[in-house]
Amino acid sequence: MTAEIFRIIVDHAFIPLKRIQLLIIDECHHAQDEHPYLKALKCFGTLRPKEMPRIFGLSASLLNGKCEPSLLDKRLKNWRSR
């Protein structure tokens, strides 16, 4: 499903957040600013830590893009903080 469809499902509670145990997010490097991924993930902030899903983010951008090794750790920390 697209990021926008996932956001709509989460926003309108078509699936209770507590029932989601694993999220696999492709192209997770897009989850910044006003991207639907980030908007949807913010909804999970209302859950208790025990209810939070595991999140597995996939991105080839770090390997295919122009990423200096010195910036790699900084980018990873930035994405994890979201």
N, C-alpha and C. Protein backbone atom coordinates (compact mmCIF):
# COMPACT_ATOMS: atom_id res chain seq x y z
N MET A 1 0.84 -1.17 0.00
CA MET A 1 0.00 0.00 0.00
C MET A 1 0.89 1.24 0.00
N THR A 2 0.36 2.33 -0.46
CA THR A 2 1.15 3.56 -0.49
C THR A 2 1.19 4.19 0.90
N ALA A 3 2.12 5.10 1.07
CA ALA A 3 2.25 5.80 2.35
C ALA A 3 0.98 6.59 2.68
N GLU A 4 0.37 7.19 1.68
CA GLU A 4 -0.85 7.98 1.90
C GLU A 4 -2.02 7.10 2.33
N ILE A 5 -2.16 5.94 1.72
CA ILE A 5 -3.23 5.02 2.12
C ILE A 5 -3.00 4.55 3.55
N PHE A 6 -1.76 4.24 3.90
CA PHE A 6 -1.45 3.84 5.27
C PHE A 6 -1.80 4.96 6.25
N ARG A 7 -1.47 6.20 5.89
CA ARG A 7 -1.80 7.34 6.76
C ARG A 7 -3.30 7.44 6.97
N ILE A 8 -4.08 7.28 5.91
CA ILE A 8 -5.54 7.37 6.01
C ILE A 8 -6.08 6.26 6.91
N ILE A 9 -5.57 5.05 6.74
CA ILE A 9 -6.00 3.92 7.57
C ILE A 9 -5.74 4.21 9.04
N VAL A 10 -4.56 4.75 9.33
CA VAL A 10 -4.20 5.06 10.72
C VAL A 10 -5.01 6.24 11.24
N ASP A 11 -5.11 7.31 10.45
CA ASP A 11 -5.84 8.51 10.89
C ASP A 11 -7.31 8.21 11.21
N HIS A 12 -7.93 7.37 10.41
CA HIS A 12 -9.36 7.09 10.58
C HIS A 12 -9.63 5.84 11.43
N ALA A 13 -8.57 5.28 11.98
CA ALA A 13 -8.67 4.12 12.88
C ALA A 13 -9.43 2.95 12.24
N PHE A 14 -9.20 2.73 10.94
CA PHE A 14 -9.80 1.57 10.29
C PHE A 14 -9.23 0.28 10.88
N ILE A 15 -8.01 0.35 11.34
CA ILE A 15 -7.36 -0.75 12.06
C ILE A 15 -6.88 -0.17 13.39
N PRO A 16 -7.27 -0.77 14.51
CA PRO A 16 -6.79 -0.25 15.80
C PRO A 16 -5.26 -0.32 15.86
N LEU A 17 -4.65 0.76 16.30
CA LEU A 17 -3.18 0.82 16.36
C LEU A 17 -2.60 -0.31 17.19
N LYS A 18 -3.29 -0.71 18.24
CA LYS A 18 -2.79 -1.78 19.11
C LYS A 18 -2.67 -3.12 18.39
N ARG A 19 -3.39 -3.29 17.29
CA ARG A 19 -3.37 -4.56 16.56
C ARG A 19 -2.19 -4.67 15.62
N ILE A 20 -1.53 -3.56 15.35
CA ILE A 20 -0.38 -3.57 14.43
C ILE A 20 0.86 -3.92 15.24
N GLN A 21 1.48 -5.03 14.90
CA GLN A 21 2.65 -5.48 15.65
C GLN A 21 3.95 -5.28 14.89
N LEU A 22 3.88 -5.20 13.57
CA LEU A 22 5.09 -5.03 12.76
C LEU A 22 4.77 -4.12 11.59
N LEU A 23 5.60 -3.11 11.39
CA LEU A 23 5.50 -2.24 10.22
C LEU A 23 6.77 -2.42 9.40
N ILE A 24 6.60 -2.69 8.13
CA ILE A 24 7.74 -2.75 7.23
C ILE A 24 7.56 -1.57 6.27
N ILE A 25 8.49 -0.64 6.33
CA ILE A 25 8.37 0.60 5.56
C ILE A 25 9.48 0.65 4.53
N ASP A 26 9.08 0.58 3.26
CA ASP A 26 10.04 0.69 2.17
C ASP A 26 10.28 2.18 1.89
N GLU A 27 11.48 2.48 1.48
CA GLU A 27 11.85 3.88 1.19
C GLU A 27 11.66 4.75 2.43
N CYS A 28 12.06 4.24 3.59
CA CYS A 28 11.83 4.94 4.86
C CYS A 28 12.56 6.28 4.94
N HIS A 29 13.54 6.50 4.08
CA HIS A 29 14.25 7.77 4.11
C HIS A 29 13.34 8.95 3.74
N HIS A 30 12.18 8.65 3.18
CA HIS A 30 11.22 9.71 2.84
C HIS A 30 10.45 10.21 4.06
N ALA A 31 10.52 9.49 5.17
CA ALA A 31 9.72 9.83 6.36
C ALA A 31 10.28 11.06 7.06
N GLN A 32 10.06 12.20 6.45
CA GLN A 32 10.50 13.46 7.03
C GLN A 32 9.56 14.57 6.59
N ASP A 33 9.60 15.68 7.27
CA ASP A 33 8.76 16.84 6.99
C ASP A 33 7.28 16.46 7.03
N GLU A 34 6.57 16.63 5.94
CA GLU A 34 5.13 16.38 5.88
C GLU A 34 4.79 15.08 5.15
N HIS A 35 5.73 14.18 5.04
CA HIS A 35 5.48 12.92 4.32
C HIS A 35 4.43 12.09 5.06
N PRO A 36 3.55 11.40 4.33
CA PRO A 36 2.52 10.57 4.97
C PRO A 36 3.07 9.52 5.93
N TYR A 37 4.24 8.95 5.65
CA TYR A 37 4.83 7.99 6.59
C TYR A 37 5.01 8.62 7.96
N LEU A 38 5.58 9.80 7.99
CA LEU A 38 5.85 10.46 9.27
C LEU A 38 4.55 10.83 9.98
N LYS A 39 3.58 11.31 9.21
CA LYS A 39 2.28 11.65 9.81
C LYS A 39 1.64 10.41 10.43
N ALA A 40 1.70 9.29 9.75
CA ALA A 40 1.11 8.05 10.27
C ALA A 40 1.86 7.57 11.50
N LEU A 41 3.18 7.62 11.45
CA LEU A 41 3.98 7.13 12.58
C LEU A 41 3.77 7.96 13.84
N LYS A 42 3.48 9.24 13.68
CA LYS A 42 3.23 10.09 14.85
C LYS A 42 1.98 9.64 15.61
N CYS A 43 1.04 9.02 14.93
CA CYS A 43 -0.17 8.52 15.60
C CYS A 43 0.16 7.44 16.62
N PHE A 44 1.23 6.71 16.40
CA PHE A 44 1.61 5.64 17.32
C PHE A 44 2.16 6.19 18.64
N GLY A 45 2.44 7.48 18.70
CA GLY A 45 2.94 8.10 19.91
C GLY A 45 1.95 8.08 21.06
N THR A 46 0.68 7.78 20.76
CA THR A 46 -0.35 7.72 21.81
C THR A 46 -0.35 6.37 22.53
N LEU A 47 0.35 5.40 21.98
CA LEU A 47 0.37 4.06 22.58
C LEU A 47 1.39 3.96 23.70
N ARG A 48 1.14 3.03 24.61
CA ARG A 48 2.13 2.73 25.64
C ARG A 48 3.28 1.98 24.99
N PRO A 49 4.47 2.07 25.55
CA PRO A 49 5.63 1.39 24.94
C PRO A 49 5.40 -0.09 24.65
N LYS A 50 4.68 -0.77 25.51
CA LYS A 50 4.41 -2.20 25.32
C LYS A 50 3.53 -2.46 24.09
N GLU A 51 2.73 -1.47 23.70
CA GLU A 51 1.80 -1.62 22.58
C GLU A 51 2.40 -1.19 21.24
N MET A 52 3.56 -0.59 21.28
CA MET A 52 4.18 -0.07 20.05
C MET A 52 4.59 -1.22 19.12
N PRO A 53 4.40 -1.02 17.81
CA PRO A 53 4.83 -2.06 16.87
C PRO A 53 6.34 -2.03 16.67
N ARG A 54 6.87 -3.11 16.20
CA ARG A 54 8.26 -3.13 15.74
C ARG A 54 8.24 -2.47 14.37
N ILE A 55 9.25 -1.68 14.09
CA ILE A 55 9.33 -0.98 12.80
C ILE A 55 10.61 -1.39 12.10
N PHE A 56 10.44 -1.86 10.87
CA PHE A 56 11.57 -2.28 10.05
C PHE A 56 11.59 -1.38 8.83
N GLY A 57 12.55 -0.47 8.77
CA GLY A 57 12.63 0.48 7.67
C GLY A 57 13.66 0.05 6.64
N LEU A 58 13.29 0.13 5.38
CA LEU A 58 14.17 -0.25 4.27
C LEU A 58 14.52 0.98 3.44
N SER A 59 15.77 1.09 3.06
CA SER A 59 16.20 2.19 2.20
C SER A 59 17.51 1.81 1.53
N ALA A 60 17.54 2.00 0.22
CA ALA A 60 18.78 1.78 -0.51
C ALA A 60 19.51 3.09 -0.73
N SER A 61 18.91 4.18 -0.31
CA SER A 61 19.48 5.50 -0.57
C SER A 61 20.87 5.69 0.02
N LEU A 62 21.11 5.09 1.17
CA LEU A 62 22.43 5.25 1.77
C LEU A 62 23.51 4.58 0.93
N LEU A 63 23.14 3.55 0.21
CA LEU A 63 24.11 2.84 -0.61
C LEU A 63 24.19 3.40 -2.02
N ASN A 64 23.04 3.80 -2.57
CA ASN A 64 23.00 4.28 -3.94
C ASN A 64 23.26 5.77 -4.06
N GLY A 65 23.01 6.49 -3.00
CA GLY A 65 23.16 7.94 -3.05
C GLY A 65 24.58 8.37 -2.74
N LYS A 66 24.76 9.65 -2.73
CA LYS A 66 26.06 10.22 -2.39
C LYS A 66 26.06 10.53 -0.90
N CYS A 67 26.49 9.58 -0.14
CA CYS A 67 26.53 9.74 1.31
C CYS A 67 27.95 9.54 1.78
N GLU A 68 28.52 10.58 2.28
CA GLU A 68 29.87 10.49 2.82
C GLU A 68 29.85 9.62 4.07
N PRO A 69 30.83 8.76 4.24
CA PRO A 69 30.86 7.90 5.43
C PRO A 69 30.74 8.69 6.73
N SER A 70 31.29 9.88 6.76
CA SER A 70 31.22 10.68 7.98
C SER A 70 29.80 11.14 8.29
N LEU A 71 28.93 11.19 7.27
CA LEU A 71 27.55 11.62 7.47
C LEU A 71 26.61 10.46 7.76
N LEU A 72 27.06 9.24 7.53
CA LEU A 72 26.20 8.07 7.68
C LEU A 72 25.63 7.96 9.09
N ASP A 73 26.46 8.05 10.09
CA ASP A 73 25.99 7.93 11.47
C ASP A 73 25.01 9.04 11.81
N LYS A 74 25.28 10.24 11.35
CA LYS A 74 24.40 11.38 11.61
C LYS A 74 23.03 11.15 10.98
N ARG A 75 22.98 10.66 9.74
CA ARG A 75 21.71 10.40 9.06
C ARG A 75 20.92 9.31 9.77
N LEU A 76 21.60 8.25 10.16
CA LEU A 76 20.92 7.16 10.84
C LEU A 76 20.33 7.63 12.17
N LYS A 77 21.07 8.41 12.93
CA LYS A 77 20.55 8.94 14.20
C LYS A 77 19.35 9.85 13.97
N ASN A 78 19.40 10.64 12.91
CA ASN A 78 18.31 11.54 12.58
C ASN A 78 17.05 10.75 12.26
N TRP A 79 17.17 9.69 11.45
CA TRP A 79 16.00 8.88 11.11
C TRP A 79 15.47 8.14 12.32
N ARG A 80 16.34 7.64 13.18
CA ARG A 80 15.90 6.90 14.37
C ARG A 80 15.15 7.80 15.34
N SER A 81 15.50 9.07 15.39
CA SER A 81 14.89 9.98 16.36
C SER A 81 13.44 10.30 16.01
N ARG A 82 13.03 9.96 14.84
CA ARG A 82 11.65 10.27 14.43
C ARG A 82 10.77 9.19 14.93
